Amino acid sequence: MELIILPTLISFDFSDVLFFLLIGGMILYGVFKKKKPSIIKTLTISEINTVSKGLCKIKGQILATNQITSPITETQCIGYNYSNLSLSYDGRRGAKGVKRWRIYRTKSVSSDFYLQDKTGQIKVNAKNISIQINVNRSEKKLSRTLIDVENLLLEDGTEYILIGTVNVDKNGDMEIVKEKELIIMDEAFYRFVNVKIPSMKKKIRLFIIFSLLVLFIFIIYNFGSLK
C-alpha cells in the first residue's frame, strides 16, 4: 500500500492576522519615526566673509599658528585625534563571529589655527574641539586585539568642514569657539557620514517596507482563502 503525503496548508486565524499586523505596525513606526536632525545636517555652509555671531558651518583649509607633537609618530601637527581600538567578535571579545574594531577610548587635542576659504580667514579657538577625520592616519599595534590610532590635522591643503560658534575676542576680532559644538571633519568623511550612510539607511527602510508588504499580502491571501 502506497502512502500518499498531502501538502500541509499554512492556516491563519483572525488572531494571527492581528498579531502580524501589530508587529508590522511596530516595525513601520520604528522605520518612519523621525529623529531630530543634528546641527551638522541642518546648518548650511557659509563663506567666511559673511559669517556673524552665532553658530556656523564653514568649509576651507587650515593654517597653523602653533604646532604640537602627535602621540604615535611624534609628528609636528596642528592637532590630532587619538583612539584606542579593541578587536571584538559580534560585540564580545574572544567569541567566534564577525570581527569588528571598536573604539573604547578617544580624545582630540589641538592648538589654535586659522580656517581659510576664498573669501578670507578666521581664527579657531580649538579648546575642547572634536576632531572627526579619516586622513593622515597612523596605527600602532599593541597586541593581537588592541591597536592605537592617530589622525592628524596638517596644513596640507585638505578641505575641512568646521562647525562652531562665531564670537568676538577681547581684541574685538571674530573667532570660532565652542559653545554648543566645535567639530572639524575632513570633507570626504563628512560626506560619508552625512550623505552616504543616510542613503544606505533609506535603502534599508525601503527593503523593510517591501518585505512587510509582501508578508501582509501573503497573510491576507491565506486568511481569505480559508473563509
N, C-alpha and C. Protein backbone atom coordinates (compact mmCIF):
# COMPACT_ATOMS: atom_id res chain seq x y z
N MET A 1 0.85 -1.20 0.00
CA MET A 1 0.00 0.00 0.00
C MET A 1 0.89 1.25 0.00
N GLU A 2 0.65 2.08 -0.97
CA GLU A 2 1.49 3.27 -1.13
C GLU A 2 0.95 4.40 -0.25
N LEU A 3 1.87 5.01 0.51
CA LEU A 3 1.48 6.10 1.40
C LEU A 3 1.60 7.42 0.66
N ILE A 4 0.51 8.16 0.59
CA ILE A 4 0.49 9.45 -0.10
C ILE A 4 0.49 10.55 0.95
N ILE A 5 1.49 11.44 0.84
CA ILE A 5 1.59 12.56 1.78
C ILE A 5 1.07 13.82 1.10
N LEU A 6 0.03 14.37 1.63
CA LEU A 6 -0.55 15.59 1.08
C LEU A 6 0.14 16.80 1.68
N PRO A 7 0.35 17.86 0.87
CA PRO A 7 0.98 19.07 1.41
C PRO A 7 0.10 19.72 2.46
N THR A 8 0.74 20.24 3.48
CA THR A 8 0.03 20.89 4.57
C THR A 8 -0.14 22.37 4.26
N LEU A 9 -1.35 22.85 4.29
CA LEU A 9 -1.60 24.27 4.06
C LEU A 9 -1.31 25.07 5.31
N ILE A 10 -0.69 26.22 5.11
CA ILE A 10 -0.47 27.12 6.23
C ILE A 10 -1.78 27.84 6.53
N SER A 11 -2.25 27.73 7.74
CA SER A 11 -3.53 28.34 8.08
C SER A 11 -3.34 29.41 9.14
N PHE A 12 -4.17 30.42 9.06
CA PHE A 12 -4.15 31.52 10.00
C PHE A 12 -5.57 31.77 10.48
N ASP A 13 -5.71 32.08 11.76
CA ASP A 13 -7.00 32.57 12.22
C ASP A 13 -6.90 34.08 12.41
N PHE A 14 -7.99 34.70 12.82
CA PHE A 14 -8.04 36.16 12.89
C PHE A 14 -7.03 36.72 13.88
N SER A 15 -6.78 36.01 14.98
CA SER A 15 -5.83 36.49 15.99
C SER A 15 -4.40 36.51 15.43
N ASP A 16 -4.08 35.53 14.54
CA ASP A 16 -2.76 35.52 13.89
C ASP A 16 -2.59 36.76 13.01
N VAL A 17 -3.64 37.08 12.26
CA VAL A 17 -3.58 38.25 11.38
C VAL A 17 -3.37 39.52 12.20
N LEU A 18 -4.12 39.64 13.29
CA LEU A 18 -3.96 40.82 14.15
C LEU A 18 -2.56 40.90 14.73
N PHE A 19 -2.00 39.74 15.11
CA PHE A 19 -0.64 39.72 15.67
C PHE A 19 0.38 40.21 14.65
N PHE A 20 0.29 39.68 13.41
CA PHE A 20 1.23 40.10 12.37
C PHE A 20 1.06 41.58 12.02
N LEU A 21 -0.18 42.06 12.01
CA LEU A 21 -0.42 43.47 11.74
C LEU A 21 0.18 44.35 12.83
N LEU A 22 0.06 43.91 14.08
CA LEU A 22 0.62 44.66 15.20
C LEU A 22 2.14 44.73 15.10
N ILE A 23 2.78 43.57 14.83
CA ILE A 23 4.23 43.55 14.70
C ILE A 23 4.68 44.41 13.52
N GLY A 24 3.98 44.28 12.40
CA GLY A 24 4.32 45.09 11.22
C GLY A 24 4.17 46.58 11.49
N GLY A 25 3.10 46.93 12.22
CA GLY A 25 2.90 48.34 12.56
C GLY A 25 4.00 48.88 13.45
N MET A 26 4.46 48.06 14.41
CA MET A 26 5.54 48.50 15.29
C MET A 26 6.84 48.68 14.51
N ILE A 27 7.10 47.77 13.57
CA ILE A 27 8.31 47.90 12.75
C ILE A 27 8.23 49.15 11.88
N LEU A 28 7.07 49.37 11.25
CA LEU A 28 6.91 50.56 10.41
C LEU A 28 7.05 51.84 11.22
N TYR A 29 6.54 51.83 12.46
CA TYR A 29 6.69 53.01 13.32
C TYR A 29 8.16 53.30 13.58
N GLY A 30 8.94 52.24 13.83
CA GLY A 30 10.37 52.43 14.05
C GLY A 30 11.09 52.91 12.81
N VAL A 31 10.64 52.42 11.63
CA VAL A 31 11.27 52.81 10.38
C VAL A 31 11.00 54.27 10.05
N PHE A 32 9.73 54.71 10.26
CA PHE A 32 9.35 56.05 9.85
C PHE A 32 9.49 57.10 10.93
N LYS A 33 9.76 56.69 12.17
CA LYS A 33 9.90 57.65 13.25
C LYS A 33 11.05 58.61 12.96
N LYS A 34 10.77 59.87 12.93
CA LYS A 34 11.77 60.88 12.58
C LYS A 34 12.53 61.34 13.82
N LYS A 35 13.85 61.28 13.69
CA LYS A 35 14.68 61.82 14.75
C LYS A 35 14.96 63.29 14.48
N LYS A 36 15.21 64.03 15.54
CA LYS A 36 15.53 65.43 15.39
C LYS A 36 16.84 65.57 14.62
N PRO A 37 16.84 66.33 13.50
CA PRO A 37 18.08 66.47 12.72
C PRO A 37 19.20 67.08 13.55
N SER A 38 20.43 66.60 13.33
CA SER A 38 21.57 67.13 14.06
C SER A 38 21.94 68.51 13.55
N ILE A 39 22.68 69.24 14.36
CA ILE A 39 23.13 70.57 13.97
C ILE A 39 23.98 70.51 12.72
N ILE A 40 24.79 69.46 12.60
CA ILE A 40 25.68 69.33 11.46
C ILE A 40 24.88 69.28 10.15
N LYS A 41 23.73 68.61 10.17
CA LYS A 41 22.93 68.45 8.96
C LYS A 41 22.11 69.69 8.62
N THR A 42 21.60 70.38 9.63
CA THR A 42 20.68 71.48 9.36
C THR A 42 21.38 72.77 8.97
N LEU A 43 22.61 72.98 9.41
CA LEU A 43 23.33 74.20 9.06
C LEU A 43 23.78 74.16 7.60
N THR A 44 23.73 75.30 6.95
CA THR A 44 24.28 75.43 5.61
C THR A 44 25.69 76.01 5.69
N ILE A 45 26.51 75.71 4.70
CA ILE A 45 27.89 76.20 4.68
C ILE A 45 27.91 77.68 4.31
N SER A 46 28.63 78.45 5.12
CA SER A 46 28.75 79.89 4.90
C SER A 46 30.17 80.24 4.46
N GLU A 47 30.30 81.30 3.68
CA GLU A 47 31.63 81.83 3.37
C GLU A 47 32.10 82.67 4.55
N ILE A 48 33.39 82.71 4.75
CA ILE A 48 33.93 83.36 5.94
C ILE A 48 33.58 84.85 6.00
N ASN A 49 33.58 85.53 4.87
CA ASN A 49 33.30 86.97 4.90
C ASN A 49 31.83 87.30 5.13
N THR A 50 30.97 86.26 5.26
CA THR A 50 29.55 86.51 5.50
C THR A 50 29.11 86.09 6.90
N VAL A 51 29.99 85.46 7.70
CA VAL A 51 29.56 84.95 9.00
C VAL A 51 29.35 86.08 9.99
N SER A 52 28.42 85.86 10.90
CA SER A 52 28.17 86.79 12.00
C SER A 52 28.12 85.99 13.30
N LYS A 53 27.92 86.65 14.42
CA LYS A 53 27.92 85.96 15.71
C LYS A 53 26.84 84.87 15.74
N GLY A 54 27.24 83.73 16.25
CA GLY A 54 26.31 82.61 16.34
C GLY A 54 26.89 81.36 15.71
N LEU A 55 26.07 80.31 15.70
CA LEU A 55 26.51 79.02 15.19
C LEU A 55 26.69 79.07 13.68
N CYS A 56 27.76 78.44 13.18
CA CYS A 56 28.02 78.47 11.74
C CYS A 56 28.70 77.19 11.29
N LYS A 57 28.67 76.97 9.97
CA LYS A 57 29.38 75.87 9.34
C LYS A 57 30.20 76.46 8.20
N ILE A 58 31.50 76.16 8.19
CA ILE A 58 32.41 76.73 7.20
C ILE A 58 33.25 75.63 6.58
N LYS A 59 33.53 75.76 5.28
CA LYS A 59 34.43 74.84 4.60
C LYS A 59 35.68 75.58 4.16
N GLY A 60 36.83 74.97 4.41
CA GLY A 60 38.07 75.61 4.00
C GLY A 60 39.29 74.79 4.38
N GLN A 61 40.45 75.39 4.20
CA GLN A 61 41.72 74.77 4.56
C GLN A 61 42.24 75.39 5.84
N ILE A 62 43.06 74.63 6.57
CA ILE A 62 43.55 75.12 7.86
C ILE A 62 44.98 75.64 7.74
N LEU A 63 45.26 76.68 8.53
CA LEU A 63 46.58 77.31 8.58
C LEU A 63 47.07 77.26 10.03
N ALA A 64 48.31 76.88 10.21
CA ALA A 64 48.85 76.71 11.56
C ALA A 64 49.28 78.03 12.18
N THR A 65 49.09 78.14 13.49
CA THR A 65 49.69 79.22 14.28
C THR A 65 50.75 78.64 15.21
N ASN A 66 50.44 77.49 15.78
CA ASN A 66 51.39 76.73 16.60
C ASN A 66 51.24 75.26 16.25
N GLN A 67 52.20 74.45 16.67
CA GLN A 67 52.13 73.03 16.41
C GLN A 67 52.37 72.23 17.70
N ILE A 68 51.84 71.02 17.71
CA ILE A 68 52.03 70.11 18.83
C ILE A 68 52.58 68.78 18.29
N THR A 69 52.98 67.89 19.17
CA THR A 69 53.55 66.61 18.77
C THR A 69 52.53 65.50 18.93
N SER A 70 52.36 64.69 17.88
CA SER A 70 51.39 63.60 17.94
C SER A 70 51.92 62.45 18.80
N PRO A 71 51.03 61.66 19.41
CA PRO A 71 51.46 60.64 20.38
C PRO A 71 52.11 59.39 19.79
N ILE A 72 51.78 59.01 18.56
CA ILE A 72 52.30 57.76 18.00
C ILE A 72 53.54 58.01 17.14
N THR A 73 53.39 58.84 16.11
CA THR A 73 54.51 59.07 15.18
C THR A 73 55.38 60.25 15.59
N GLU A 74 54.96 60.98 16.64
CA GLU A 74 55.69 62.17 17.11
C GLU A 74 55.87 63.19 15.98
N THR A 75 54.82 63.33 15.17
CA THR A 75 54.80 64.29 14.06
C THR A 75 54.36 65.66 14.56
N GLN A 76 54.99 66.70 14.06
CA GLN A 76 54.54 68.05 14.35
C GLN A 76 53.27 68.32 13.55
N CYS A 77 52.21 68.68 14.25
CA CYS A 77 50.91 68.84 13.60
C CYS A 77 50.13 69.96 14.30
N ILE A 78 49.03 70.35 13.68
CA ILE A 78 48.14 71.35 14.28
C ILE A 78 47.31 70.70 15.39
N GLY A 79 46.86 69.48 15.14
CA GLY A 79 46.06 68.76 16.12
C GLY A 79 45.95 67.30 15.74
N TYR A 80 45.35 66.51 16.62
CA TYR A 80 45.20 65.09 16.34
C TYR A 80 44.02 64.51 17.10
N ASN A 81 43.52 63.40 16.54
CA ASN A 81 42.57 62.56 17.26
C ASN A 81 43.27 61.24 17.56
N TYR A 82 43.26 60.83 18.83
CA TYR A 82 43.97 59.64 19.27
C TYR A 82 42.95 58.66 19.83
N SER A 83 42.92 57.43 19.29
CA SER A 83 41.91 56.46 19.68
C SER A 83 42.55 55.13 20.04
N ASN A 84 41.93 54.44 21.01
CA ASN A 84 42.30 53.07 21.37
C ASN A 84 41.21 52.15 20.84
N LEU A 85 41.58 51.16 20.02
CA LEU A 85 40.63 50.25 19.41
C LEU A 85 40.83 48.84 19.93
N SER A 86 39.72 48.15 20.11
CA SER A 86 39.74 46.77 20.60
C SER A 86 39.03 45.87 19.60
N LEU A 87 39.63 44.74 19.28
CA LEU A 87 39.03 43.79 18.36
C LEU A 87 38.00 42.94 19.10
N SER A 88 36.79 42.90 18.56
CA SER A 88 35.73 42.10 19.18
C SER A 88 35.02 41.29 18.11
N TYR A 89 34.29 40.26 18.55
CA TYR A 89 33.54 39.38 17.66
C TYR A 89 32.07 39.44 18.05
N ASP A 90 31.28 40.04 17.17
CA ASP A 90 29.84 40.17 17.46
C ASP A 90 29.60 40.83 18.81
N GLY A 91 30.44 41.79 19.17
CA GLY A 91 30.26 42.54 20.41
C GLY A 91 30.89 41.91 21.62
N ARG A 92 31.49 40.71 21.49
CA ARG A 92 32.10 40.05 22.65
C ARG A 92 33.52 39.65 22.32
N ARG A 93 34.44 39.99 23.18
CA ARG A 93 35.83 39.61 22.97
C ARG A 93 35.99 38.09 23.03
N GLY A 94 36.73 37.56 22.08
CA GLY A 94 37.07 36.15 22.12
C GLY A 94 36.05 35.22 21.52
N ALA A 95 34.84 35.67 21.29
CA ALA A 95 33.81 34.80 20.72
C ALA A 95 33.98 34.71 19.21
N LYS A 96 33.52 33.60 18.63
CA LYS A 96 33.61 33.45 17.20
C LYS A 96 32.49 34.25 16.54
N GLY A 97 32.81 34.85 15.39
CA GLY A 97 31.82 35.64 14.67
C GLY A 97 32.51 36.67 13.80
N VAL A 98 31.78 37.71 13.45
CA VAL A 98 32.31 38.77 12.60
C VAL A 98 33.25 39.65 13.42
N LYS A 99 34.44 39.88 12.87
CA LYS A 99 35.41 40.71 13.57
C LYS A 99 35.09 42.19 13.38
N ARG A 100 35.18 42.96 14.45
CA ARG A 100 34.97 44.40 14.38
C ARG A 100 35.96 45.10 15.30
N TRP A 101 36.53 46.20 14.80
CA TRP A 101 37.34 47.04 15.66
C TRP A 101 36.44 48.09 16.27
N ARG A 102 36.44 48.18 17.59
CA ARG A 102 35.57 49.11 18.30
C ARG A 102 36.40 50.10 19.10
N ILE A 103 36.01 51.37 19.02
CA ILE A 103 36.71 52.40 19.78
C ILE A 103 36.22 52.37 21.22
N TYR A 104 37.14 52.20 22.16
CA TYR A 104 36.72 52.23 23.56
C TYR A 104 37.28 53.44 24.30
N ARG A 105 38.16 54.19 23.65
CA ARG A 105 38.60 55.47 24.24
C ARG A 105 39.15 56.35 23.12
N THR A 106 38.80 57.63 23.14
CA THR A 106 39.28 58.55 22.12
C THR A 106 39.41 59.95 22.70
N LYS A 107 40.34 60.73 22.17
CA LYS A 107 40.48 62.11 22.60
C LYS A 107 41.01 62.95 21.45
N SER A 108 40.65 64.23 21.47
CA SER A 108 41.11 65.19 20.47
C SER A 108 41.91 66.28 21.16
N VAL A 109 43.04 66.62 20.56
CA VAL A 109 43.91 67.68 21.08
C VAL A 109 44.31 68.56 19.91
N SER A 110 44.27 69.87 20.09
CA SER A 110 44.64 70.76 19.00
C SER A 110 45.11 72.10 19.53
N SER A 111 46.04 72.70 18.81
CA SER A 111 46.38 74.10 19.05
C SER A 111 45.41 74.96 18.26
N ASP A 112 45.37 76.25 18.54
CA ASP A 112 44.53 77.16 17.76
C ASP A 112 45.05 77.22 16.32
N PHE A 113 44.14 77.52 15.40
CA PHE A 113 44.54 77.61 13.99
C PHE A 113 43.60 78.55 13.26
N TYR A 114 43.91 78.81 12.01
CA TYR A 114 43.03 79.61 11.16
C TYR A 114 42.39 78.72 10.11
N LEU A 115 41.12 79.03 9.80
CA LEU A 115 40.42 78.36 8.71
C LEU A 115 40.28 79.38 7.58
N GLN A 116 40.63 78.97 6.37
CA GLN A 116 40.68 79.89 5.24
C GLN A 116 39.88 79.36 4.07
N ASP A 117 39.07 80.24 3.48
CA ASP A 117 38.43 79.92 2.21
C ASP A 117 38.76 81.04 1.22
N LYS A 118 38.09 81.06 0.07
CA LYS A 118 38.43 82.03 -0.97
C LYS A 118 38.06 83.46 -0.59
N THR A 119 37.26 83.63 0.49
CA THR A 119 36.81 84.97 0.87
C THR A 119 37.58 85.56 2.05
N GLY A 120 38.39 84.74 2.72
CA GLY A 120 39.12 85.26 3.87
C GLY A 120 39.51 84.15 4.84
N GLN A 121 39.86 84.54 6.05
CA GLN A 121 40.22 83.55 7.07
C GLN A 121 39.72 84.00 8.43
N ILE A 122 39.56 83.04 9.34
CA ILE A 122 39.07 83.33 10.67
C ILE A 122 39.78 82.41 11.66
N LYS A 123 40.05 82.93 12.85
CA LYS A 123 40.76 82.15 13.86
C LYS A 123 39.80 81.16 14.52
N VAL A 124 40.34 79.98 14.84
CA VAL A 124 39.58 78.96 15.56
C VAL A 124 40.25 78.73 16.91
N ASN A 125 39.51 79.03 17.97
CA ASN A 125 39.97 78.71 19.33
C ASN A 125 39.65 77.23 19.54
N ALA A 126 40.68 76.38 19.52
CA ALA A 126 40.47 74.94 19.43
C ALA A 126 40.26 74.25 20.78
N LYS A 127 40.03 74.99 21.84
CA LYS A 127 39.79 74.36 23.14
C LYS A 127 38.54 73.49 23.08
N ASN A 128 38.69 72.23 23.50
CA ASN A 128 37.60 71.24 23.52
C ASN A 128 37.04 70.91 22.14
N ILE A 129 37.86 71.04 21.12
CA ILE A 129 37.41 70.69 19.77
C ILE A 129 37.28 69.17 19.63
N SER A 130 36.32 68.74 18.81
CA SER A 130 36.16 67.32 18.47
C SER A 130 36.69 67.13 17.04
N ILE A 131 37.77 66.36 16.91
CA ILE A 131 38.39 66.12 15.61
C ILE A 131 37.87 64.78 15.08
N GLN A 132 37.09 64.84 14.00
CA GLN A 132 36.48 63.64 13.42
C GLN A 132 36.94 63.54 11.97
N ILE A 133 38.12 62.95 11.78
CA ILE A 133 38.74 62.91 10.45
C ILE A 133 39.21 61.50 10.13
N ASN A 134 39.40 61.27 8.82
CA ASN A 134 39.90 59.98 8.36
C ASN A 134 41.09 60.18 7.41
N VAL A 135 41.92 61.17 7.70
CA VAL A 135 43.10 61.47 6.90
C VAL A 135 44.34 61.42 7.80
N ASN A 136 45.51 61.31 7.15
CA ASN A 136 46.79 61.32 7.86
C ASN A 136 46.75 60.35 9.05
N ARG A 137 46.45 59.10 8.73
CA ARG A 137 46.22 58.08 9.75
C ARG A 137 47.47 57.22 9.96
N SER A 138 47.77 56.94 11.21
CA SER A 138 48.85 56.02 11.57
C SER A 138 48.36 55.10 12.68
N GLU A 139 48.89 53.86 12.69
CA GLU A 139 48.48 52.87 13.68
C GLU A 139 49.69 52.32 14.43
N LYS A 140 49.44 51.91 15.66
CA LYS A 140 50.45 51.24 16.47
C LYS A 140 49.79 50.01 17.10
N LYS A 141 50.27 48.83 16.71
CA LYS A 141 49.69 47.60 17.22
C LYS A 141 50.25 47.28 18.60
N LEU A 142 49.36 47.14 19.57
CA LEU A 142 49.77 46.84 20.94
C LEU A 142 49.72 45.34 21.23
N SER A 143 48.75 44.68 20.64
CA SER A 143 48.60 43.23 20.79
C SER A 143 47.72 42.75 19.65
N ARG A 144 47.36 41.46 19.68
CA ARG A 144 46.52 40.92 18.61
C ARG A 144 45.14 41.56 18.58
N THR A 145 44.68 42.07 19.72
CA THR A 145 43.32 42.61 19.80
C THR A 145 43.27 44.09 20.17
N LEU A 146 44.41 44.75 20.26
CA LEU A 146 44.44 46.17 20.65
C LEU A 146 45.36 46.95 19.72
N ILE A 147 44.87 48.07 19.22
CA ILE A 147 45.71 48.98 18.45
C ILE A 147 45.41 50.42 18.86
N ASP A 148 46.40 51.28 18.72
CA ASP A 148 46.22 52.72 18.88
C ASP A 148 46.25 53.36 17.50
N VAL A 149 45.42 54.37 17.30
CA VAL A 149 45.32 55.05 16.01
C VAL A 149 45.37 56.55 16.22
N GLU A 150 46.10 57.26 15.35
CA GLU A 150 46.07 58.72 15.36
C GLU A 150 45.75 59.23 13.96
N ASN A 151 44.97 60.30 13.91
CA ASN A 151 44.68 61.03 12.67
C ASN A 151 45.08 62.48 12.89
N LEU A 152 45.85 63.02 11.96
CA LEU A 152 46.47 64.32 12.18
C LEU A 152 45.82 65.43 11.37
N LEU A 153 45.70 66.59 12.01
CA LEU A 153 45.38 67.83 11.30
C LEU A 153 46.69 68.46 10.84
N LEU A 154 46.86 68.55 9.52
CA LEU A 154 48.07 69.12 8.94
C LEU A 154 47.72 70.23 7.97
N GLU A 155 48.64 71.14 7.81
CA GLU A 155 48.47 72.21 6.83
C GLU A 155 48.91 71.68 5.47
N ASP A 156 48.04 70.85 4.87
CA ASP A 156 48.43 70.14 3.64
C ASP A 156 47.44 70.32 2.49
N GLY A 157 46.57 71.31 2.59
CA GLY A 157 45.62 71.57 1.51
C GLY A 157 44.34 70.78 1.57
N THR A 158 44.16 69.94 2.61
CA THR A 158 42.92 69.18 2.76
C THR A 158 41.75 70.12 3.04
N GLU A 159 40.60 69.85 2.43
CA GLU A 159 39.39 70.63 2.68
C GLU A 159 38.68 70.07 3.91
N TYR A 160 38.33 70.97 4.84
CA TYR A 160 37.66 70.57 6.08
C TYR A 160 36.32 71.28 6.21
N ILE A 161 35.42 70.64 6.93
CA ILE A 161 34.16 71.26 7.34
C ILE A 161 34.26 71.50 8.84
N LEU A 162 33.99 72.73 9.26
CA LEU A 162 34.06 73.08 10.68
C LEU A 162 32.74 73.66 11.15
N ILE A 163 32.25 73.18 12.28
CA ILE A 163 31.02 73.68 12.91
C ILE A 163 31.40 74.26 14.26
N GLY A 164 31.04 75.50 14.49
CA GLY A 164 31.35 76.15 15.76
C GLY A 164 30.57 77.45 15.89
N THR A 165 30.86 78.19 16.94
CA THR A 165 30.16 79.44 17.22
C THR A 165 31.10 80.62 17.02
N VAL A 166 30.64 81.56 16.21
CA VAL A 166 31.42 82.78 15.97
C VAL A 166 31.21 83.72 17.14
N ASN A 167 32.32 84.21 17.70
CA ASN A 167 32.29 85.14 18.82
C ASN A 167 33.31 86.24 18.58
N VAL A 168 33.35 87.20 19.47
CA VAL A 168 34.32 88.30 19.37
C VAL A 168 35.27 88.18 20.55
N ASP A 169 36.59 88.17 20.25
CA ASP A 169 37.58 88.03 21.32
C ASP A 169 37.82 89.37 22.01
N LYS A 170 38.73 89.39 22.99
CA LYS A 170 38.98 90.60 23.78
C LYS A 170 39.58 91.74 22.96
N ASN A 171 40.14 91.41 21.80
CA ASN A 171 40.70 92.44 20.93
C ASN A 171 39.70 92.94 19.90
N GLY A 172 38.48 92.42 19.94
CA GLY A 172 37.45 92.83 19.01
C GLY A 172 37.46 92.08 17.70
N ASP A 173 38.28 91.03 17.61
CA ASP A 173 38.36 90.23 16.38
C ASP A 173 37.42 89.02 16.48
N MET A 174 36.89 88.62 15.34
CA MET A 174 35.98 87.46 15.31
C MET A 174 36.79 86.18 15.36
N GLU A 175 36.29 85.20 16.12
CA GLU A 175 36.91 83.89 16.19
C GLU A 175 35.82 82.85 16.39
N ILE A 176 36.17 81.61 16.10
CA ILE A 176 35.23 80.49 16.29
C ILE A 176 35.60 79.75 17.56
N VAL A 177 34.63 79.54 18.43
CA VAL A 177 34.85 78.89 19.72
C VAL A 177 33.80 77.79 19.91
N LYS A 178 33.96 77.05 20.98
CA LYS A 178 32.95 76.05 21.32
C LYS A 178 31.97 76.63 22.32
N GLU A 179 30.70 76.62 21.93
CA GLU A 179 29.60 76.88 22.87
C GLU A 179 28.71 75.63 22.89
N LYS A 180 27.99 75.40 21.78
CA LYS A 180 27.23 74.16 21.66
C LYS A 180 28.09 73.05 21.06
N GLU A 181 28.71 73.35 19.93
CA GLU A 181 29.52 72.36 19.22
C GLU A 181 30.79 73.03 18.71
N LEU A 182 31.85 72.25 18.61
CA LEU A 182 33.06 72.64 17.89
C LEU A 182 33.63 71.36 17.30
N ILE A 183 33.32 71.14 16.03
CA ILE A 183 33.66 69.90 15.34
C ILE A 183 34.37 70.22 14.04
N ILE A 184 35.43 69.48 13.74
CA ILE A 184 36.08 69.59 12.44
C ILE A 184 36.14 68.21 11.81
N MET A 185 35.77 68.14 10.53
CA MET A 185 35.76 66.87 9.78
C MET A 185 36.38 67.13 8.42
N ASP A 186 37.16 66.17 7.90
CA ASP A 186 37.59 66.32 6.52
C ASP A 186 36.39 66.13 5.61
N GLU A 187 36.41 66.77 4.45
CA GLU A 187 35.22 66.81 3.60
C GLU A 187 34.76 65.42 3.17
N ALA A 188 35.71 64.52 2.86
CA ALA A 188 35.33 63.18 2.41
C ALA A 188 34.62 62.42 3.52
N PHE A 189 35.12 62.51 4.75
CA PHE A 189 34.48 61.83 5.87
C PHE A 189 33.12 62.45 6.19
N TYR A 190 33.03 63.77 6.08
CA TYR A 190 31.76 64.47 6.29
C TYR A 190 30.70 63.95 5.32
N ARG A 191 31.07 63.80 4.05
CA ARG A 191 30.11 63.32 3.05
C ARG A 191 29.72 61.87 3.31
N PHE A 192 30.68 61.07 3.77
CA PHE A 192 30.38 59.67 4.07
C PHE A 192 29.35 59.57 5.20
N VAL A 193 29.57 60.35 6.27
CA VAL A 193 28.71 60.29 7.44
C VAL A 193 27.34 60.90 7.17
N ASN A 194 27.29 62.00 6.43
CA ASN A 194 26.05 62.76 6.29
C ASN A 194 25.33 62.57 4.96
N VAL A 195 25.95 61.86 4.01
CA VAL A 195 25.30 61.62 2.72
C VAL A 195 25.19 60.13 2.43
N LYS A 196 26.31 59.42 2.45
CA LYS A 196 26.30 58.00 2.07
C LYS A 196 25.57 57.14 3.08
N ILE A 197 25.85 57.32 4.38
CA ILE A 197 25.19 56.50 5.40
C ILE A 197 23.68 56.73 5.42
N PRO A 198 23.18 57.99 5.39
CA PRO A 198 21.73 58.19 5.30
C PRO A 198 21.11 57.56 4.06
N SER A 199 21.85 57.57 2.94
CA SER A 199 21.34 56.95 1.71
C SER A 199 21.21 55.44 1.89
N MET A 200 22.19 54.81 2.54
CA MET A 200 22.11 53.37 2.79
C MET A 200 20.96 53.04 3.73
N LYS A 201 20.75 53.88 4.76
CA LYS A 201 19.64 53.65 5.68
C LYS A 201 18.30 53.76 4.97
N LYS A 202 18.20 54.69 4.03
CA LYS A 202 16.95 54.85 3.27
C LYS A 202 16.66 53.60 2.45
N LYS A 203 17.69 53.02 1.83
CA LYS A 203 17.50 51.80 1.04
C LYS A 203 17.06 50.65 1.93
N ILE A 204 17.65 50.57 3.13
CA ILE A 204 17.26 49.51 4.07
C ILE A 204 15.80 49.67 4.48
N ARG A 205 15.37 50.92 4.75
CA ARG A 205 13.97 51.17 5.11
C ARG A 205 13.02 50.74 4.00
N LEU A 206 13.38 51.06 2.74
CA LEU A 206 12.54 50.67 1.61
C LEU A 206 12.44 49.15 1.48
N PHE A 207 13.56 48.47 1.73
CA PHE A 207 13.55 47.00 1.68
C PHE A 207 12.64 46.42 2.76
N ILE A 208 12.70 47.01 3.98
CA ILE A 208 11.85 46.53 5.07
C ILE A 208 10.38 46.74 4.73
N ILE A 209 10.05 47.90 4.16
CA ILE A 209 8.66 48.20 3.78
C ILE A 209 8.18 47.21 2.73
N PHE A 210 9.03 46.94 1.73
CA PHE A 210 8.65 45.99 0.67
C PHE A 210 8.43 44.60 1.25
N SER A 211 9.31 44.17 2.15
CA SER A 211 9.19 42.83 2.76
C SER A 211 7.91 42.72 3.58
N LEU A 212 7.59 43.78 4.35
CA LEU A 212 6.37 43.76 5.15
C LEU A 212 5.12 43.75 4.26
N LEU A 213 5.19 44.45 3.14
CA LEU A 213 4.06 44.48 2.22
C LEU A 213 3.81 43.09 1.63
N VAL A 214 4.90 42.42 1.22
CA VAL A 214 4.77 41.06 0.69
C VAL A 214 4.19 40.13 1.75
N LEU A 215 4.70 40.24 2.99
CA LEU A 215 4.20 39.40 4.08
C LEU A 215 2.72 39.67 4.35
N PHE A 216 2.33 40.95 4.33
CA PHE A 216 0.94 41.33 4.57
C PHE A 216 0.02 40.73 3.50
N ILE A 217 0.42 40.83 2.23
CA ILE A 217 -0.39 40.28 1.13
C ILE A 217 -0.51 38.77 1.27
N PHE A 218 0.61 38.12 1.64
CA PHE A 218 0.61 36.67 1.83
C PHE A 218 -0.37 36.25 2.92
N ILE A 219 -0.35 36.99 4.04
CA ILE A 219 -1.23 36.65 5.17
C ILE A 219 -2.69 36.86 4.79
N ILE A 220 -2.99 38.01 4.18
CA ILE A 220 -4.38 38.31 3.79
C ILE A 220 -4.88 37.29 2.77
N TYR A 221 -4.01 36.89 1.83
CA TYR A 221 -4.42 35.93 0.81
C TYR A 221 -4.76 34.57 1.46
N ASN A 222 -3.90 34.12 2.37
CA ASN A 222 -4.14 32.83 3.01
C ASN A 222 -5.35 32.88 3.95
N PHE A 223 -5.53 34.02 4.65
CA PHE A 223 -6.67 34.16 5.53
C PHE A 223 -7.96 34.18 4.74
N GLY A 224 -7.94 34.87 3.60
CA GLY A 224 -9.16 34.95 2.79
C GLY A 224 -9.51 33.63 2.14
N SER A 225 -8.48 32.86 1.75
CA SER A 225 -8.74 31.58 1.10
C SER A 225 -9.29 30.53 2.04
N LEU A 226 -9.17 30.76 3.36
CA LEU A 226 -9.67 29.80 4.34
C LEU A 226 -11.10 30.07 4.78
N LYS A 227 -11.62 31.20 4.37
CA LYS A 227 -13.00 31.53 4.77
C LYS A 227 -14.02 30.65 4.05
